[in-house]
Amino acid sequence: MQDRGLFGVDSGGGPYLGAVTDLALEPPHVRAGARTWGGLRRNAPAAFVGALIIGNAAVITWLWVHGGNVTKVHTTGELFTSIARLTGLQSAYLALIQVVLLARLPALERAFGFDRLSRWHRWNGHLCIDLVIAHVVFSVWGYALMDRFPLGKEISTMIWGGVYPGMITATIGTGLLLAVVATSLVIVRRRLSYEWWYAVHVLAYAGIALAWFHEIPTGNELVLDRVAANYWRALFIATIAVLVVFRVLVPLAGALRYRLRVAEVTPEGPGVVSLRITGRNLDRLRAHPGQFFVWRFLDRHRWWTAHPFSLSAAPDGESLRITVKALGDHSGRLGEVRPGTRVLAEGPFGVFTDRVRRRDKVVLIAGGIGITPIRALLETMRGDIVVLYRALAHADLIFREELERIALARGAVVHYIVGDHRGGGADLLSAMHLKELVRDIEERDVFLCGPPAMTAVLEQNVRRARVPRRHIHTERFALT
């Protein structure tokens, strides 16, 4: 049976409408000024990063031109090998950008958000591997034309002939990068656990490292031009420095500073467990409701994997709480973590916070375990707030008592939308249904969190309900 009723905090089952007069927000001109300044602060890093990326790509292209790849091209073979050099250089550059995009740089994360950086990481990865393939094809084809060899003989000569240094390492590196791409395909990722997917992606670092031993001794522009070689060395060294600082040293410093430990493990429902984590000086983390950390639990079963989980309660300076649903090998066994286990956490990350809010009225939409950051946001948000909590069955609803208690205290409205999305439940949270639940939804900011497929559909429905795109804020629970 599908439930499209409205379940609030009053005893009759209808929505509770609390007074919000004592929760007045800042004056409109103050909020507008803050938004303008905040927009400038967000756009400045974006402009700087964009200029830096384009500038480096331009320098790499100039070095390619300066190396005679235009003026000294007279035959088809020379043209193809010149194109191969450019695609190789640019693919190596994009591979370094891949590392930086997910190196968890605080400035990048604050400016763009982890979700957007993840999307850019995917797009950049596609372009990078396309350029790698183009580099291989044009190299083999071009040198075959110049050497007047069949393609098969040219490939054998290039790899095993000893004529071109670093070709064996380049071949292995290319194979590793292709393996990463293969695991990223949706049909493959559905058959792999997160742990295996993560382990294979670590091979990308090895692939990039092996590219170095091919690029420096083999690339004409780098062998013959010391300036170009030093430029590329600087790019690699800078990338390694970013990786070591932000993926190794910063987390270790945080572990020593905050001394995080699991204090309590609490079942919340079928396959759902909450972990309360305590430490010292947690107020210095400056975490906000809606944000997440990348967590590593240092016991013998989990120390080698790290997973992102959102805060499911507003940080109070003394503890942090996460709530996890069993969706894989790692999340399915978090209920076995013992109190006292040391924790290493990277973060906080995410821009899914009240800071991106533009309007006084808000709709918070959660799907399944996506209720975790929504519940944290509700705890501190002020103003006219409506919560829509979508679940397949009543047993899947968690935090119900907490939500109703918080809603009563903050004058919010909570709607539970329960039912299968197939058959008669297909219209649940459709544009029309959204308008029925929240008649003025087009006048509100919408915060939307849940599994990727659900979030994509609901985002379209919210747009059809005439909510402008700039007022829709999403957080997708997915692999990055």
Protein backbone atom coordinates (compact mmCIF):
# COMPACT_ATOMS: atom_id res chain seq x y z
CA MET A 1 0.00 0.00 0.00
CA GLN A 2 1.39 3.36 -1.00
CA ASP A 3 1.27 6.17 1.51
CA ARG A 4 0.84 9.64 0.11
CA GLY A 5 -0.44 11.02 3.34
CA LEU A 6 1.23 13.82 5.25
CA PHE A 7 2.74 12.71 8.53
CA GLY A 8 3.66 15.54 10.82
CA VAL A 9 4.28 15.83 14.52
CA ASP A 10 0.74 16.36 15.73
CA SER A 11 -1.18 13.41 17.14
CA GLY A 12 -3.73 13.47 14.36
CA GLY A 13 -1.19 12.63 11.67
CA GLY A 14 -1.49 15.94 9.81
CA PRO A 15 1.38 18.34 9.26
CA TYR A 16 2.37 20.49 12.19
CA LEU A 17 2.76 24.15 11.35
CA GLY A 18 4.88 25.78 14.01
CA ALA A 19 5.35 29.46 14.51
CA VAL A 20 8.52 30.92 13.06
CA THR A 21 8.28 34.45 14.43
CA ASP A 22 11.04 33.78 16.97
CA LEU A 23 13.31 32.38 14.26
CA ALA A 24 13.61 35.52 12.16
CA LEU A 25 16.42 35.57 9.67
CA GLU A 26 18.82 38.42 9.06
CA PRO A 27 17.44 41.46 7.24
CA PRO A 28 17.18 40.97 3.45
CA HIS A 29 19.80 43.61 2.65
CA VAL A 30 22.28 41.90 4.99
CA ARG A 31 21.68 38.48 3.40
CA ALA A 32 21.87 39.99 -0.11
CA GLY A 33 25.18 41.64 0.70
CA ALA A 34 26.53 38.43 2.17
CA ARG A 35 25.44 36.51 -0.94
CA THR A 36 27.14 39.03 -3.23
CA TRP A 37 30.40 38.86 -1.29
CA GLY A 38 30.11 35.08 -1.04
CA GLY A 39 29.58 34.87 -4.80
CA LEU A 40 32.70 36.95 -5.44
CA ARG A 41 34.72 34.75 -3.10
CA ARG A 42 33.48 31.61 -4.88
CA ASN A 43 34.05 32.99 -8.39
CA ALA A 44 37.58 34.25 -7.72
CA PRO A 45 39.03 30.74 -7.12
CA ALA A 46 37.10 29.46 -10.15
CA ALA A 47 38.60 32.15 -12.36
CA PHE A 48 42.09 31.53 -10.99
CA VAL A 49 41.87 27.74 -11.43
CA GLY A 50 40.46 28.10 -14.94
CA ALA A 51 43.23 30.51 -15.94
CA LEU A 52 45.85 28.20 -14.45
CA ILE A 53 44.58 25.13 -16.31
CA ILE A 54 44.20 26.92 -19.65
CA GLY A 55 47.52 28.71 -19.19
CA ASN A 56 49.44 25.48 -18.65
CA ALA A 57 47.72 23.86 -21.64
CA ALA A 58 48.72 26.87 -23.75
CA VAL A 59 52.34 26.66 -22.58
CA ILE A 60 52.46 22.93 -23.39
CA THR A 61 51.09 23.64 -26.87
CA TRP A 62 53.60 26.45 -27.40
CA LEU A 63 56.45 24.15 -26.40
CA TRP A 64 55.13 21.62 -28.93
CA VAL A 65 55.09 24.27 -31.67
CA HIS A 66 58.51 25.57 -30.60
CA GLY A 67 59.85 22.03 -30.98
CA GLY A 68 59.29 22.19 -34.73
CA ASN A 69 56.04 20.22 -34.89
CA VAL A 70 54.55 22.70 -37.35
CA THR A 71 57.39 24.18 -39.41
CA LYS A 72 59.27 20.88 -39.86
CA VAL A 73 56.30 18.78 -40.96
CA HIS A 74 56.53 17.79 -44.65
CA THR A 75 55.04 14.30 -44.94
CA THR A 76 51.93 12.50 -43.73
CA GLY A 77 54.04 10.38 -41.38
CA GLU A 78 55.61 13.48 -39.84
CA LEU A 79 52.16 15.06 -39.47
CA PHE A 80 50.82 12.01 -37.65
CA THR A 81 53.83 11.78 -35.32
CA SER A 82 53.52 15.50 -34.54
CA ILE A 83 49.85 15.03 -33.65
CA ALA A 84 50.88 12.03 -31.55
CA ARG A 85 53.31 14.19 -29.58
CA LEU A 86 50.69 16.86 -28.89
CA THR A 87 48.01 14.35 -27.83
CA GLY A 88 50.58 12.57 -25.65
CA LEU A 89 51.65 15.78 -23.92
CA GLN A 90 48.10 16.96 -23.34
CA SER A 91 46.96 13.54 -22.09
CA ALA A 92 49.83 13.51 -19.59
CA TYR A 93 48.81 16.99 -18.46
CA LEU A 94 45.16 15.93 -18.04
CA ALA A 95 46.32 12.92 -16.04
CA LEU A 96 48.02 15.29 -13.59
CA ILE A 97 44.81 17.33 -13.40
CA GLN A 98 42.96 14.10 -12.57
CA VAL A 99 45.15 13.71 -9.51
CA VAL A 100 44.70 17.32 -8.40
CA LEU A 101 40.91 17.32 -8.87
CA LEU A 102 40.44 14.66 -6.20
CA ALA A 103 43.44 15.49 -4.04
CA ARG A 104 40.94 17.04 -1.59
CA LEU A 105 42.37 20.53 -1.70
CA PRO A 106 40.29 22.61 0.74
CA ALA A 107 40.31 25.68 -1.51
CA LEU A 108 39.04 23.75 -4.54
CA GLU A 109 36.45 21.87 -2.48
CA ARG A 110 35.09 25.06 -0.89
CA ALA A 111 34.91 26.81 -4.25
CA PHE A 112 33.25 24.06 -6.29
CA GLY A 113 32.07 21.27 -4.02
CA PHE A 114 33.06 17.61 -4.06
CA ASP A 115 30.10 16.65 -6.25
CA ARG A 116 31.06 19.08 -9.02
CA LEU A 117 34.75 18.17 -8.76
CA SER A 118 33.78 14.50 -9.14
CA ARG A 119 31.83 15.25 -12.32
CA TRP A 120 34.76 17.21 -13.72
CA HIS A 121 37.01 14.30 -12.76
CA ARG A 122 34.88 11.94 -14.86
CA TRP A 123 34.75 14.27 -17.87
CA ASN A 124 38.46 14.99 -17.66
CA GLY A 125 39.14 11.27 -17.37
CA HIS A 126 37.20 10.57 -20.57
CA LEU A 127 39.13 13.25 -22.45
CA CYS A 128 42.42 12.05 -21.00
CA ILE A 129 41.97 8.44 -22.11
CA ASP A 130 40.71 9.58 -25.55
CA LEU A 131 43.94 11.54 -25.99
CA VAL A 132 45.99 8.55 -24.80
CA ILE A 133 44.34 6.34 -27.44
CA ALA A 134 44.84 9.04 -30.10
CA HIS A 135 48.51 9.28 -29.07
CA VAL A 136 49.00 5.53 -29.50
CA VAL A 137 47.18 5.38 -32.86
CA PHE A 138 48.93 8.38 -34.41
CA SER A 139 52.33 7.26 -33.08
CA VAL A 140 52.10 3.76 -34.55
CA TRP A 141 50.54 4.95 -37.79
CA GLY A 142 52.98 7.84 -38.25
CA TYR A 143 56.13 5.86 -37.55
CA ALA A 144 54.88 2.99 -39.73
CA LEU A 145 54.55 5.43 -42.62
CA MET A 146 57.97 6.89 -41.98
CA ASP A 147 59.68 3.50 -41.52
CA ARG A 148 57.58 1.91 -44.29
CA PHE A 149 56.72 -0.98 -41.98
CA PRO A 150 53.41 -2.85 -41.64
CA LEU A 151 51.54 -1.79 -38.49
CA GLY A 152 52.18 -5.11 -36.73
CA LYS A 153 55.92 -4.93 -37.31
CA GLU A 154 56.00 -1.26 -36.26
CA ILE A 155 54.26 -2.06 -32.97
CA SER A 156 56.72 -4.88 -32.26
CA THR A 157 59.68 -2.66 -33.14
CA MET A 158 58.46 0.23 -30.99
CA ILE A 159 57.90 -1.91 -27.89
CA TRP A 160 60.62 -4.54 -28.09
CA GLY A 161 63.12 -3.13 -30.58
CA GLY A 162 65.01 -1.00 -28.07
CA VAL A 163 64.84 2.00 -30.42
CA TYR A 164 62.49 4.10 -28.30
CA PRO A 165 63.28 4.34 -24.55
CA GLY A 166 60.53 3.78 -22.03
CA MET A 167 58.13 2.00 -24.39
CA ILE A 168 57.61 -1.03 -22.16
CA THR A 169 56.75 1.14 -19.16
CA ALA A 170 54.50 3.27 -21.39
CA THR A 171 52.65 0.16 -22.57
CA ILE A 172 52.14 -1.05 -19.00
CA GLY A 173 51.00 2.42 -17.91
CA THR A 174 48.50 2.61 -20.76
CA GLY A 175 47.15 -0.80 -19.79
CA LEU A 176 46.68 0.34 -16.19
CA LEU A 177 44.80 3.46 -17.28
CA LEU A 178 42.54 1.38 -19.53
CA ALA A 179 41.84 -0.93 -16.58
CA VAL A 180 40.69 2.07 -14.56
CA VAL A 181 38.38 3.12 -17.39
CA ALA A 182 36.95 -0.39 -17.64
CA THR A 183 36.03 -0.43 -13.95
CA SER A 184 34.34 2.94 -14.35
CA LEU A 185 31.80 1.58 -16.81
CA VAL A 186 28.43 1.36 -15.12
CA ILE A 187 27.83 -2.26 -16.02
CA VAL A 188 31.21 -3.26 -14.53
CA ARG A 189 30.96 -1.07 -11.42
CA ARG A 190 27.69 -2.76 -10.52
CA ARG A 191 29.54 -6.07 -10.35
CA LEU A 192 32.49 -4.80 -8.35
CA SER A 193 32.55 -3.98 -4.69
CA TYR A 194 33.67 -0.49 -3.70
CA GLU A 195 36.87 -1.99 -2.30
CA TRP A 196 37.87 -3.57 -5.61
CA TRP A 197 36.86 -0.48 -7.56
CA TYR A 198 38.95 1.68 -5.24
CA ALA A 199 41.94 -0.66 -5.42
CA VAL A 200 41.93 -0.66 -9.22
CA HIS A 201 41.70 3.14 -9.27
CA VAL A 202 44.85 3.34 -7.18
CA LEU A 203 46.57 1.81 -10.22
CA ALA A 204 45.97 5.11 -12.01
CA TYR A 205 48.76 6.60 -9.93
CA ALA A 206 51.08 3.85 -11.15
CA GLY A 207 50.00 4.47 -14.74
CA ILE A 208 50.78 8.19 -14.45
CA ALA A 209 54.15 7.47 -12.83
CA LEU A 210 55.10 5.07 -15.62
CA ALA A 211 54.18 7.73 -18.18
CA TRP A 212 56.96 9.88 -16.73
CA PHE A 213 59.61 7.29 -17.66
CA HIS A 214 58.27 7.32 -21.23
CA GLU A 215 57.69 11.03 -21.65
CA ILE A 216 61.00 12.48 -20.46
CA PRO A 217 63.51 10.22 -22.28
CA THR A 218 61.39 9.76 -25.44
CA GLY A 219 59.59 13.03 -26.16
CA ASN A 220 61.46 15.05 -28.78
CA GLU A 221 60.46 18.36 -27.19
CA LEU A 222 61.81 17.28 -23.81
CA VAL A 223 64.99 15.54 -24.97
CA LEU A 224 66.11 18.50 -27.07
CA ASP A 225 64.81 21.37 -24.94
CA ARG A 226 66.00 21.68 -21.34
CA VAL A 227 63.43 24.40 -20.58
CA ALA A 228 60.58 22.15 -21.71
CA ALA A 229 61.96 19.21 -19.71
CA ASN A 230 62.31 21.33 -16.57
CA TYR A 231 58.78 22.68 -17.07
CA TRP A 232 57.39 19.15 -17.12
CA ARG A 233 59.48 18.17 -14.12
CA ALA A 234 57.98 21.11 -12.24
CA LEU A 235 54.44 19.99 -13.17
CA PHE A 236 55.08 16.45 -11.92
CA ILE A 237 56.82 17.61 -8.74
CA ALA A 238 54.02 20.09 -7.95
CA THR A 239 51.41 17.36 -8.43
CA ILE A 240 53.30 14.93 -6.20
CA ALA A 241 53.65 17.64 -3.55
CA VAL A 242 49.91 18.33 -3.61
CA LEU A 243 49.18 14.60 -3.32
CA VAL A 244 51.56 14.02 -0.43
CA VAL A 245 50.50 17.10 1.51
CA PHE A 246 46.73 16.77 1.20
CA ARG A 247 46.31 13.00 1.00
CA VAL A 248 48.96 11.98 3.54
CA LEU A 249 50.33 14.75 5.76
CA VAL A 250 47.10 16.69 6.39
CA PRO A 251 45.10 13.57 7.41
CA LEU A 252 47.94 12.42 9.70
CA ALA A 253 48.14 15.87 11.29
CA GLY A 254 44.38 15.80 11.81
CA ALA A 255 44.60 12.39 13.44
CA LEU A 256 47.17 13.66 15.93
CA ARG A 257 45.28 16.90 16.55
CA TYR A 258 41.74 15.59 17.02
CA ARG A 259 42.33 12.03 18.33
CA LEU A 260 39.05 10.69 16.95
CA ARG A 261 37.57 7.49 18.37
CA VAL A 262 34.30 5.64 18.00
CA ALA A 263 32.30 6.29 21.15
CA GLU A 264 29.02 4.58 20.36
CA VAL A 265 27.44 2.31 17.73
CA THR A 266 23.64 2.45 17.50
CA PRO A 267 21.32 0.44 15.20
CA GLU A 268 18.78 2.72 13.51
CA GLY A 269 16.82 0.21 11.44
CA PRO A 270 17.27 -2.80 9.14
CA GLY A 271 20.81 -2.58 7.81
CA VAL A 272 21.31 0.97 9.14
CA VAL A 273 23.69 1.93 11.93
CA SER A 274 24.88 5.21 13.46
CA LEU A 275 28.38 5.81 14.78
CA ARG A 276 29.07 8.62 17.22
CA ILE A 277 32.70 9.72 17.08
CA THR A 278 34.35 11.82 19.76
CA GLY A 279 37.69 13.59 20.00
CA ARG A 280 39.26 16.79 21.19
CA ASN A 281 38.98 20.34 19.84
CA LEU A 282 36.32 19.25 17.36
CA ASP A 283 34.98 22.80 17.16
CA ARG A 284 38.17 23.68 15.24
CA LEU A 285 37.06 21.42 12.40
CA ARG A 286 34.47 24.07 11.52
CA ALA A 287 32.16 21.42 10.13
CA HIS A 288 28.66 22.41 9.03
CA PRO A 289 25.43 20.41 8.73
CA GLY A 290 25.20 18.91 5.25
CA GLN A 291 28.92 18.28 4.93
CA PHE A 292 30.73 14.95 4.89
CA PHE A 293 34.09 13.47 5.83
CA VAL A 294 36.10 10.67 4.28
CA TRP A 295 36.35 8.14 7.13
CA ARG A 296 38.96 5.48 7.78
CA PHE A 297 38.39 3.16 10.75
CA LEU A 298 41.72 1.90 12.02
CA ASP A 299 41.01 -1.70 12.89
CA ARG A 300 42.42 -4.75 11.14
CA HIS A 301 39.39 -5.15 8.85
CA ARG A 302 38.98 -1.57 7.63
CA TRP A 303 42.22 0.41 7.99
CA TRP A 304 43.06 0.17 4.29
CA THR A 305 39.80 1.61 2.92
CA ALA A 306 38.31 5.08 3.23
CA HIS A 307 34.68 5.97 2.51
CA PRO A 308 32.73 9.24 2.39
CA PHE A 309 29.79 9.54 4.81
CA SER A 310 27.73 12.63 5.59
CA LEU A 311 27.14 13.93 9.08
CA SER A 312 23.69 12.85 10.25
CA ALA A 313 23.57 15.35 13.10
CA ALA A 314 24.72 18.93 13.45
CA PRO A 315 28.24 19.07 14.91
CA ASP A 316 28.19 20.21 18.55
CA GLY A 317 31.94 20.61 19.07
CA GLU A 318 32.12 17.45 21.18
CA SER A 319 31.14 14.64 18.79
CA LEU A 320 30.32 13.82 15.18
CA ARG A 321 27.67 11.35 14.07
CA ILE A 322 27.41 9.44 10.81
CA THR A 323 24.69 7.02 9.78
CA VAL A 324 25.41 4.28 7.25
CA LYS A 325 23.23 1.89 5.31
CA ALA A 326 24.58 -1.55 4.38
CA LEU A 327 25.17 -1.22 0.64
CA GLY A 328 28.48 -3.06 0.26
CA ASP A 329 31.22 -5.01 2.02
CA HIS A 330 32.51 -2.00 3.96
CA SER A 331 29.25 -0.30 4.91
CA GLY A 332 27.63 -3.65 5.68
CA ARG A 333 30.18 -4.35 8.42
CA LEU A 334 30.41 -0.95 10.11
CA GLY A 335 28.03 -2.19 12.76
CA GLU A 336 30.87 -4.46 13.88
CA VAL A 337 33.18 -1.54 14.68
CA ARG A 338 33.95 -1.55 18.38
CA PRO A 339 33.77 1.53 20.60
CA GLY A 340 37.28 2.83 21.17
CA THR A 341 38.39 2.21 17.58
CA ARG A 342 40.62 5.01 16.33
CA VAL A 343 39.32 6.99 13.37
CA LEU A 344 41.10 8.99 10.69
CA ALA A 345 38.85 11.56 9.01
CA GLU A 346 39.53 13.88 6.08
CA GLY A 347 37.28 16.90 5.81
CA PRO A 348 34.90 18.50 6.21
CA PHE A 349 33.91 18.54 2.54
CA GLY A 350 30.84 19.66 0.63
CA VAL A 351 28.91 22.82 -0.18
CA PHE A 352 25.53 21.21 0.53
CA THR A 353 25.04 23.61 3.44
CA ASP A 354 22.85 26.49 4.53
CA ARG A 355 25.51 28.86 3.17
CA VAL A 356 24.38 28.32 -0.43
CA ARG A 357 20.80 29.17 0.45
CA ARG A 358 19.35 32.17 -1.40
CA ARG A 359 15.78 32.31 -0.07
CA ASP A 360 14.13 32.38 3.34
CA LYS A 361 11.83 29.47 2.43
CA VAL A 362 13.32 26.01 1.90
CA VAL A 363 12.32 22.50 0.85
CA LEU A 364 14.54 19.63 1.98
CA ILE A 365 14.02 16.46 -0.10
CA ALA A 366 15.62 13.18 0.96
CA GLY A 367 15.56 9.78 -0.70
CA GLY A 368 16.43 6.71 1.38
CA ILE A 369 19.69 7.12 3.29
CA GLY A 370 19.93 10.61 1.79
CA ILE A 371 18.04 11.70 4.90
CA THR A 372 21.36 11.87 6.79
CA PRO A 373 22.54 15.35 5.67
CA ILE A 374 18.93 16.53 5.43
CA ARG A 375 18.34 15.67 9.08
CA ALA A 376 21.52 17.57 10.02
CA LEU A 377 20.44 20.61 7.99
CA LEU A 378 17.00 20.63 9.58
CA GLU A 379 18.57 20.76 13.01
CA THR A 380 20.03 24.24 12.47
CA MET A 381 18.16 25.83 9.55
CA ARG A 382 15.85 28.71 10.29
CA GLY A 383 12.80 30.01 8.49
CA ASP A 384 9.93 28.35 6.63
CA ILE A 385 11.10 24.75 6.10
CA VAL A 386 9.37 21.74 4.56
CA VAL A 387 10.91 18.26 4.58
CA LEU A 388 9.94 15.59 2.04
CA TYR A 389 11.25 12.15 2.99
CA ARG A 390 10.92 9.50 0.26
CA ALA A 391 11.18 5.79 1.09
CA LEU A 392 10.04 2.52 -0.43
CA ALA A 393 8.56 1.17 2.82
CA HIS A 394 7.82 2.40 6.33
CA ALA A 395 10.59 0.13 7.64
CA ASP A 396 13.07 2.18 5.61
CA LEU A 397 12.24 5.40 7.45
CA ILE A 398 14.91 6.29 10.00
CA PHE A 399 15.20 9.21 12.42
CA ARG A 400 11.41 9.52 12.46
CA GLU A 401 11.25 10.46 16.14
CA GLU A 402 14.20 12.81 15.78
CA LEU A 403 12.73 14.49 12.72
CA GLU A 404 9.41 15.09 14.40
CA ARG A 405 11.05 16.41 17.56
CA ILE A 406 13.25 18.81 15.59
CA ALA A 407 10.34 19.88 13.37
CA LEU A 408 8.25 20.66 16.45
CA ALA A 409 11.06 22.75 17.93
CA ARG A 410 11.82 24.63 14.71
CA GLY A 411 8.32 25.05 13.32
CA ALA A 412 8.99 22.88 10.28
CA VAL A 413 6.71 20.54 8.32
CA VAL A 414 7.65 16.92 7.59
CA HIS A 415 6.00 14.82 4.85
CA TYR A 416 6.72 11.10 4.54
CA ILE A 417 6.22 9.80 0.99
CA VAL A 418 6.24 6.01 1.14
CA GLY A 419 5.67 3.57 -1.71
CA ASP A 420 7.25 1.71 -4.60
CA HIS A 421 8.27 3.90 -7.53
CA ARG A 422 6.89 1.35 -9.97
CA GLY A 423 3.27 1.01 -11.04
CA GLY A 424 0.90 3.24 -9.13
CA GLY A 425 3.76 4.91 -7.28
CA ALA A 426 5.32 6.37 -10.41
CA ASP A 427 3.77 9.77 -9.76
CA LEU A 428 5.17 10.11 -6.24
CA LEU A 429 7.15 13.36 -6.07
CA SER A 430 6.32 14.14 -9.69
CA ALA A 431 6.12 17.84 -10.52
CA MET A 432 2.38 17.79 -9.89
CA HIS A 433 2.75 15.91 -6.61
CA LEU A 434 5.46 18.34 -5.48
CA LYS A 435 3.08 21.22 -6.11
CA GLU A 436 0.39 19.45 -4.10
CA LEU A 437 2.74 18.99 -1.16
CA VAL A 438 4.41 22.41 -1.34
CA ARG A 439 2.19 24.86 -3.22
CA ASP A 440 4.81 27.64 -3.24
CA ILE A 441 7.77 25.41 -4.11
CA GLU A 442 8.83 27.76 -6.91
CA GLU A 443 9.48 30.42 -4.25
CA ARG A 444 11.84 28.20 -2.26
CA ASP A 445 15.38 26.90 -2.29
CA VAL A 446 15.40 23.12 -2.76
CA PHE A 447 18.01 20.87 -1.14
CA LEU A 448 17.93 17.39 -2.69
CA CYS A 449 19.89 14.34 -1.55
CA GLY A 450 19.70 10.65 -2.36
CA PRO A 451 20.93 7.90 -4.69
CA PRO A 452 22.10 9.23 -8.08
CA ALA A 453 19.26 7.83 -10.19
CA MET A 454 16.58 9.12 -7.81
CA THR A 455 18.29 12.48 -7.46
CA ALA A 456 18.48 12.92 -11.24
CA VAL A 457 14.76 12.20 -11.66
CA LEU A 458 13.69 14.39 -8.76
CA GLU A 459 15.89 17.24 -9.95
CA GLN A 460 14.03 17.17 -13.26
CA ASN A 461 10.69 17.08 -11.43
CA VAL A 462 11.69 20.05 -9.29
CA ARG A 463 12.65 21.96 -12.45
CA ARG A 464 9.26 21.08 -13.96
CA ALA A 465 7.68 22.51 -10.82
CA ARG A 466 9.21 25.83 -11.97
CA VAL A 467 12.04 26.05 -9.47
CA PRO A 468 14.99 27.91 -11.10
CA ARG A 469 18.16 25.86 -11.45
CA ARG A 470 20.17 28.27 -9.27
CA HIS A 471 17.82 27.49 -6.36
CA ILE A 472 18.34 23.70 -6.57
CA HIS A 473 21.18 22.25 -4.49
CA THR A 474 21.96 18.54 -4.85
CA GLU A 475 24.12 15.93 -3.14
CA ARG A 476 24.42 12.56 -4.86
CA PHE A 477 25.41 9.48 -2.88
CA ALA A 478 27.64 7.75 -5.42
CA LEU A 479 31.18 6.48 -6.07
CA THR A 480 33.52 9.18 -7.27
